[in-house]
Protein backbone atom coordinates (compact mmCIF):
# COMPACT_ATOMS: atom_id res chain seq x y z
CA MET A 1 0.01 -0.05 0.00
CA LYS A 2 1.43 3.37 -0.93
CA PRO A 3 2.27 5.56 1.99
CA THR A 4 0.19 8.78 2.72
CA ILE A 5 2.01 11.74 3.94
CA SER A 6 1.24 14.83 6.00
CA ILE A 7 3.95 17.50 6.04
CA VAL A 8 4.03 19.47 9.29
CA ILE A 9 5.67 22.90 9.32
CA ALA A 10 5.93 24.81 12.72
CA ILE A 11 6.86 28.42 11.97
CA PHE A 12 7.48 31.58 13.79
CA ASN A 13 7.68 34.78 11.63
CA ARG A 14 9.93 33.43 8.73
CA LYS A 15 7.58 34.36 5.85
CA ASP A 16 10.22 34.59 3.22
CA GLU A 17 11.71 31.23 4.16
CA LEU A 18 8.05 29.76 4.11
CA PHE A 19 7.55 31.15 0.77
CA GLU A 20 10.59 29.35 -0.62
CA LEU A 21 9.72 26.16 1.08
CA LEU A 22 6.17 26.04 -0.24
CA ASN A 23 7.56 26.99 -3.73
CA SER A 24 9.77 24.04 -3.66
CA LEU A 25 6.84 21.83 -2.61
CA THR A 26 4.87 22.96 -5.69
CA GLN A 27 7.63 21.45 -7.86
CA GLN A 28 7.18 17.84 -6.56
CA THR A 29 6.85 14.99 -8.89
CA ASP A 30 4.56 13.27 -6.51
CA ARG A 31 1.68 15.71 -5.45
CA GLU A 32 -0.11 13.50 -3.17
CA PHE A 33 0.44 14.98 0.25
CA GLU A 34 -1.14 17.47 2.65
CA ILE A 35 0.63 20.39 4.30
CA ILE A 36 -0.23 21.51 7.76
CA ILE A 37 1.22 24.90 8.77
CA VAL A 38 1.22 25.74 12.50
CA ASP A 39 1.80 29.38 13.15
CA ASP A 40 3.47 29.43 16.54
CA GLY A 41 2.31 33.02 17.55
CA SER A 42 4.15 34.84 14.80
CA MET A 43 4.24 38.74 15.10
CA ILE A 44 3.64 39.06 11.38
CA ASP A 45 0.86 37.88 9.25
CA LEU A 46 1.67 34.67 7.28
CA LYS A 47 -1.68 34.42 5.61
CA PRO A 48 -0.85 36.43 2.58
CA THR A 49 2.26 34.18 1.94
CA ILE A 50 0.15 31.03 2.25
CA LYS A 51 -2.71 32.36 0.14
CA ASN A 52 -0.35 32.34 -2.83
CA PHE A 53 -0.30 28.56 -2.84
CA ASP A 54 -4.00 27.89 -1.91
CA ASP A 55 -4.89 26.81 -5.31
CA ILE A 56 -1.75 24.84 -6.00
CA LEU A 57 -1.12 22.91 -2.61
CA SER A 58 -3.35 21.08 -0.14
CA ILE A 59 -2.74 23.49 2.78
CA ARG A 60 -4.38 23.84 6.15
CA TYR A 61 -3.24 26.71 8.37
CA PHE A 62 -3.53 26.96 12.14
CA ARG A 63 -2.50 29.86 14.43
CA LYS A 64 -1.88 29.23 18.15
CA ASP A 65 -0.08 30.80 21.04
CA ASN A 66 3.77 30.47 21.18
CA SER A 67 4.93 27.38 22.83
CA GLY A 68 8.16 26.41 20.89
CA PRO A 69 8.51 24.08 17.89
CA GLY A 70 8.08 20.77 19.59
CA LEU A 71 4.59 21.36 20.95
CA SER A 72 3.51 23.38 17.79
CA ARG A 73 4.46 20.26 15.70
CA ASN A 74 2.34 18.06 18.10
CA TYR A 75 -0.46 20.58 17.57
CA GLY A 76 -0.15 19.95 13.82
CA ALA A 77 0.26 16.22 14.13
CA GLN A 78 -2.93 15.91 15.93
CA ARG A 79 -4.74 17.38 12.94
CA ALA A 80 -2.99 15.27 10.40
CA GLU A 81 -5.01 12.90 8.35
CA ASN A 82 -2.36 10.69 6.76
CA ASP A 83 -0.29 7.66 7.96
CA TRP A 84 3.03 9.30 8.04
CA LEU A 85 4.15 12.61 9.56
CA VAL A 86 7.04 14.59 7.84
CA PHE A 87 8.53 17.38 9.84
CA VAL A 88 10.56 19.99 8.00
CA ASP A 89 11.83 23.28 9.41
CA SER A 90 10.56 26.48 7.78
CA ASP A 91 13.96 27.46 6.54
CA VAL A 92 14.65 24.44 4.28
CA ILE A 93 14.15 23.91 0.60
CA VAL A 94 13.32 20.42 -0.68
CA GLU A 95 14.33 18.80 -4.14
CA ASN A 96 11.70 17.92 -6.80
CA ASP A 97 11.73 14.22 -5.86
CA TYR A 98 11.62 14.62 -2.04
CA ILE A 99 8.17 13.21 -1.57
CA GLU A 100 8.59 10.50 -4.21
CA ASN A 101 11.78 9.39 -2.55
CA ILE A 102 10.23 9.32 0.79
CA LYS A 103 7.46 7.12 -0.33
CA LYS A 104 9.80 4.89 -2.15
CA ASP A 105 12.23 4.53 0.80
CA ILE A 106 9.37 3.79 3.31
CA LEU A 107 8.38 0.80 1.15
CA GLU A 108 11.92 -0.52 0.75
CA ILE A 109 13.45 0.24 4.31
CA PRO A 110 11.32 -0.90 7.21
CA CYS A 111 11.25 1.60 10.02
CA ASP A 112 9.04 3.48 12.28
CA ALA A 113 10.78 6.80 11.78
CA PHE A 114 13.44 8.21 9.43
CA GLY A 115 15.56 11.20 8.77
CA GLY A 116 17.69 12.60 6.14
CA ALA A 117 20.81 14.98 5.74
CA ASP A 118 20.90 18.62 5.10
CA LYS A 119 23.29 20.63 2.81
CA ALA A 120 23.86 24.06 1.29
CA HIS A 121 22.12 25.13 -1.85
CA LYS A 122 24.19 26.57 -4.58
CA GLY A 123 22.14 29.83 -4.21
CA PHE A 124 23.01 30.34 -0.50
CA ASN A 125 25.39 33.13 0.33
CA LEU A 126 28.94 32.29 1.39
CA MET A 127 28.34 32.58 5.00
CA GLN A 128 25.36 30.21 4.84
CA LYS A 129 27.55 27.73 2.98
CA ALA A 130 30.45 28.15 5.54
CA ILE A 131 28.02 27.47 8.46
CA SER A 132 26.56 24.48 6.52
CA TYR A 133 30.03 23.06 6.21
CA SER A 134 30.82 23.35 9.78
CA MET A 135 27.53 21.77 10.80
CA THR A 136 28.09 18.78 8.58
CA SER A 137 31.91 18.33 8.52
CA VAL A 138 33.73 15.31 9.86
CA PHE A 139 35.93 17.78 11.98
CA THR A 140 32.94 18.96 13.88
CA THR A 141 29.87 16.81 14.17
CA GLY A 142 31.64 13.70 12.76
CA GLY A 143 29.73 14.06 9.56
CA ILE A 144 26.44 12.58 11.11
CA ARG A 145 24.24 15.03 9.49
CA GLY A 146 25.57 14.76 6.05
CA SER A 147 26.48 11.25 5.18
CA LYS A 148 25.18 7.78 5.59
CA LYS A 149 28.68 6.44 6.05
CA SER A 150 28.92 8.39 9.25
CA VAL A 151 25.65 6.93 10.69
CA SER A 152 25.56 4.04 13.19
CA LYS A 153 22.25 4.48 14.97
CA PHE A 154 20.70 7.55 13.37
CA GLN A 155 18.86 10.24 15.24
CA PRO A 156 16.29 11.82 12.92
CA ARG A 157 16.19 15.70 13.33
CA SER A 158 13.17 17.86 13.06
CA PHE A 159 14.49 19.80 9.94
CA ASN A 160 14.04 16.74 7.92
CA MET A 161 12.22 13.98 9.91
CA GLY A 162 9.31 11.45 9.31
CA VAL A 163 7.49 9.36 11.89
CA LYS A 164 4.59 6.95 11.60
CA LYS A 165 1.49 8.79 12.97
CA GLU A 166 0.45 5.82 15.17
CA VAL A 167 3.90 5.56 16.63
CA PHE A 168 4.21 9.41 17.18
CA ASP A 169 0.97 9.20 19.07
CA LYS A 170 2.03 6.17 21.19
CA VAL A 171 5.09 7.96 22.51
CA GLY A 172 3.37 11.25 23.03
CA GLY A 173 5.06 13.24 20.40
CA PHE A 174 7.66 15.92 21.10
CA SER A 175 8.45 16.73 24.80
CA GLU A 176 7.97 20.12 26.45
CA MET A 177 11.72 20.79 25.61
CA ARG A 178 12.04 23.80 23.25
CA ILE A 179 15.72 22.87 22.46
CA GLY A 180 16.83 19.40 21.80
CA GLU A 181 13.26 18.09 21.34
CA ASP A 182 14.10 16.17 18.27
CA PRO A 183 17.05 13.95 19.51
CA ASP A 184 14.86 13.55 22.74
CA LEU A 185 11.90 12.15 20.57
CA SER A 186 14.43 9.87 18.63
CA MET A 187 15.76 8.24 21.81
CA THR A 188 12.35 8.04 23.31
CA LEU A 189 11.40 6.07 20.08
CA TRP A 190 14.32 3.76 20.74
CA GLU A 191 13.43 3.26 24.40
CA ASN A 192 10.02 2.11 23.30
CA GLY A 193 11.33 -0.45 20.84
CA PHE A 194 10.74 1.55 17.61
CA THR A 195 13.31 1.71 14.93
CA THR A 196 14.83 4.69 12.97
CA ALA A 197 16.45 4.80 9.61
CA PHE A 198 18.56 7.12 7.50
CA PHE A 199 17.25 7.79 4.04
CA ASP A 200 20.22 9.06 1.88
CA ASN A 201 18.28 10.47 -1.04
CA ILE A 202 16.02 12.94 0.82
CA ALA A 203 18.59 15.64 1.80
CA VAL A 204 17.13 19.15 2.26
CA TYR A 205 18.83 22.58 1.76
CA HIS A 206 19.03 24.09 5.11
CA LYS A 207 19.51 27.87 5.39
CA ARG A 208 20.28 27.84 9.06
CA ARG A 209 21.46 31.22 10.60
CA VAL A 210 22.66 33.99 8.36
CA ASP A 211 25.35 35.52 10.64
CA PHE A 212 27.93 34.27 13.25
CA GLY A 213 26.20 35.92 16.10
CA LYS A 214 22.86 34.20 15.67
CA PHE A 215 24.69 30.88 14.85
CA SER A 216 26.64 31.12 18.08
CA LYS A 217 23.36 31.62 20.09
CA GLN A 218 21.87 28.70 18.46
CA VAL A 219 24.69 26.18 18.91
CA PHE A 220 25.16 27.48 22.47
CA GLN A 221 21.53 26.39 23.18
CA PHE A 222 22.23 23.00 21.49
CA GLY A 223 25.21 22.53 23.89
CA CYS A 224 23.01 23.42 26.92
CA ALA A 225 20.42 20.79 25.83
CA ARG A 226 22.92 17.93 25.57
CA PRO A 227 23.48 17.28 29.34
CA ILE A 228 19.72 17.55 29.87
CA LEU A 229 19.21 14.89 27.20
CA ASN A 230 22.01 12.69 28.81
CA GLN A 231 19.95 12.80 32.13
CA ARG A 232 16.73 11.97 30.26
CA HIS A 233 18.31 9.13 28.28
CA PRO A 234 21.41 7.74 30.17
CA ASN A 235 21.59 4.70 27.93
CA TYR A 236 22.65 6.82 24.99
CA VAL A 237 25.36 9.00 26.36
CA LYS A 238 28.61 9.16 24.56
CA ILE A 239 32.03 10.58 25.50
CA SER A 240 32.12 12.39 22.13
CA PHE A 241 29.24 14.73 23.40
CA ALA A 242 31.88 16.41 25.61
CA PHE A 243 34.43 16.96 22.88
CA PRO A 244 33.51 20.56 22.14
CA SER A 245 33.90 21.48 25.85
CA LEU A 246 37.26 19.68 25.99
CA PHE A 247 38.19 21.64 22.79
CA LEU A 248 37.24 24.99 24.49
CA LEU A 249 39.17 24.05 27.77
CA GLY A 250 42.16 22.90 25.79
CA TYR A 251 42.27 26.12 23.88
CA ILE A 252 42.30 28.17 27.19
CA LEU A 253 44.89 25.92 28.46
CA GLY A 254 46.97 26.42 25.39
CA PHE A 255 47.12 30.14 26.02
CA ILE A 256 48.01 29.69 29.67
CA GLU A 257 50.74 27.41 28.61
CA TYR A 258 52.11 29.93 26.03
CA PHE A 259 51.96 33.01 28.40
CA VAL A 260 53.08 31.38 31.68
CA MET A 261 55.51 28.64 30.28
CA GLY A 262 56.52 30.26 27.02
CA ARG A 263 55.64 27.10 25.10
CA GLY A 264 53.02 26.72 22.37
CA ILE A 265 52.72 22.83 22.11
CA ILE A 266 49.04 22.84 22.71
CA LEU A 267 48.33 25.84 20.47
CA ALA A 268 50.31 24.03 17.75
CA PHE A 269 47.69 21.30 17.69
CA TYR A 270 45.04 23.94 17.24
CA GLY A 271 46.97 25.32 14.41
CA LEU A 272 46.97 21.95 12.81
CA TYR A 273 43.28 21.65 13.31
CA THR A 274 42.73 24.97 11.65
CA PHE A 275 44.88 23.95 8.74
CA LEU A 276 43.00 20.75 8.29
CA VAL A 277 39.60 22.39 8.49
CA PHE A 278 40.55 25.15 5.95
CA PHE A 279 41.85 22.72 3.30
CA HIS A 280 39.06 20.20 3.85
CA ALA A 281 36.51 22.97 3.39
CA MET A 282 38.32 24.22 0.35
CA TRP A 283 38.30 20.82 -0.95
CA VAL A 284 34.57 20.31 -0.39
CA THR A 285 33.26 23.74 -1.36
CA LYS A 286 35.79 24.51 -4.11
CA ASN A 287 35.89 28.16 -2.74
CA ILE A 288 38.75 29.81 -0.81
CA SER A 289 36.39 32.51 0.67
CA ILE A 290 33.91 29.95 2.11
CA ALA A 291 36.87 27.93 3.50
CA GLY A 292 38.13 30.97 5.42
CA MET A 293 34.70 31.58 6.84
CA ALA A 294 34.26 27.86 7.49
CA VAL A 295 37.32 28.10 9.95
CA ILE A 296 35.54 30.97 11.72
CA SER A 297 32.10 29.13 11.87
CA THR A 298 33.90 25.90 13.02
CA TYR A 299 35.45 27.70 15.94
CA VAL A 300 32.26 29.55 16.72
CA GLN A 301 30.45 26.19 16.76
CA MET A 302 32.96 24.40 18.91
CA PHE A 303 33.36 27.20 21.38
CA SER A 304 29.68 28.12 21.71
CA TYR A 305 28.47 24.56 21.88
CA GLY A 306 31.41 23.68 24.22
CA TYR A 307 30.62 26.51 26.63
CA GLY A 308 26.85 25.72 26.57
CA PHE A 309 27.41 22.08 27.35
CA LEU A 310 29.90 23.03 30.20
CA LYS A 311 27.57 25.48 31.79
CA SER A 312 24.62 22.98 31.59
CA TRP A 313 26.75 20.16 32.91
CA ILE A 314 27.83 22.13 35.94
CA LEU A 315 24.41 23.43 36.70
CA LEU A 316 22.82 19.99 36.50
CA ASN A 317 25.61 17.80 38.12
CA VAL A 318 27.40 20.17 40.47
CA PHE A 319 24.68 22.45 41.59
CA ARG A 320 22.11 19.73 41.19
CA MET A 321 19.55 22.11 39.57
CA LYS A 322 16.53 20.69 37.73
CA PRO A 323 16.68 21.37 34.08
CA GLU A 324 13.57 23.47 34.00
CA ASP A 325 15.01 25.67 36.68
CA ALA A 326 18.40 25.90 35.19
CA PHE A 327 16.98 26.81 31.72
CA PRO A 328 13.39 27.91 32.11
CA LYS A 329 13.39 29.40 28.48
CA HIS A 330 14.12 25.93 27.21
CA TYR A 331 10.77 24.56 28.53
CA HIS A 332 7.03 25.06 28.03
CA LYS A 333 4.25 23.56 30.00
CA LYS A 334 1.98 21.21 27.98
């Protein structure tokens, strides 16, 4: 039986990105799907943007008070009419065969949930491409977001994620977490005996943040979320989660070594790392300007995530704070 699909888009303000996403969905080779847009309390009117596609796509629009992406996706999922829920972020663009490939893969690869990679579109600006590199590089995330070869047990992420509706309902959907709600759902699925898979032909073009300041804040929040996830799902803790924090502490130690002892042994390793990132980025992107910015975005990512992880770990494990007290903005009551 051919799978039926409901695409759920939780959105806050991003009308230009929404237009680009919906426009890409008009180009699908398989047009049998519904779209559920959940306006998470946007401060701008999204209806005029959606109206452009009313006659082309099957769209249902809902507006609700702001509660964060996870609970807004739950709101949309409750109103979905099809067997499979496909969650995408509002700042992605999908290729023309996205829906076709999803349906094909569902039939060929047994699973209860799936995810795909993200990458930079050729039309993205240089900074977006640099940030995309750092988020998918083997020298930062280990490449788990961009390559099937890097995946052992894949955690689908909400920028490109599908779940059987009946399975989603059984586990209660996304949690009250505002940050880290997607790996939280993936691990909850595993704990309940459900399976996940990586589909390597459904990658989306992910815009992410458009400047280093916003990118830094975003990955800082990701870092804060990880020790919380470690508490919630202790069976899936990995030592590699602490690597960015060790990277940050090692960098500080390197400067102490240099100014106190007059040696630069530790900093020399960071120089080698910088060299490897630059030339790998240039090889991947074929652009020296992107490679230069990729070095910056890589350090921004490692330092910001590392600081967030370290801060969160200390608050939770040294001061014994509850996650909702340590990071109240990361939670929303159901």
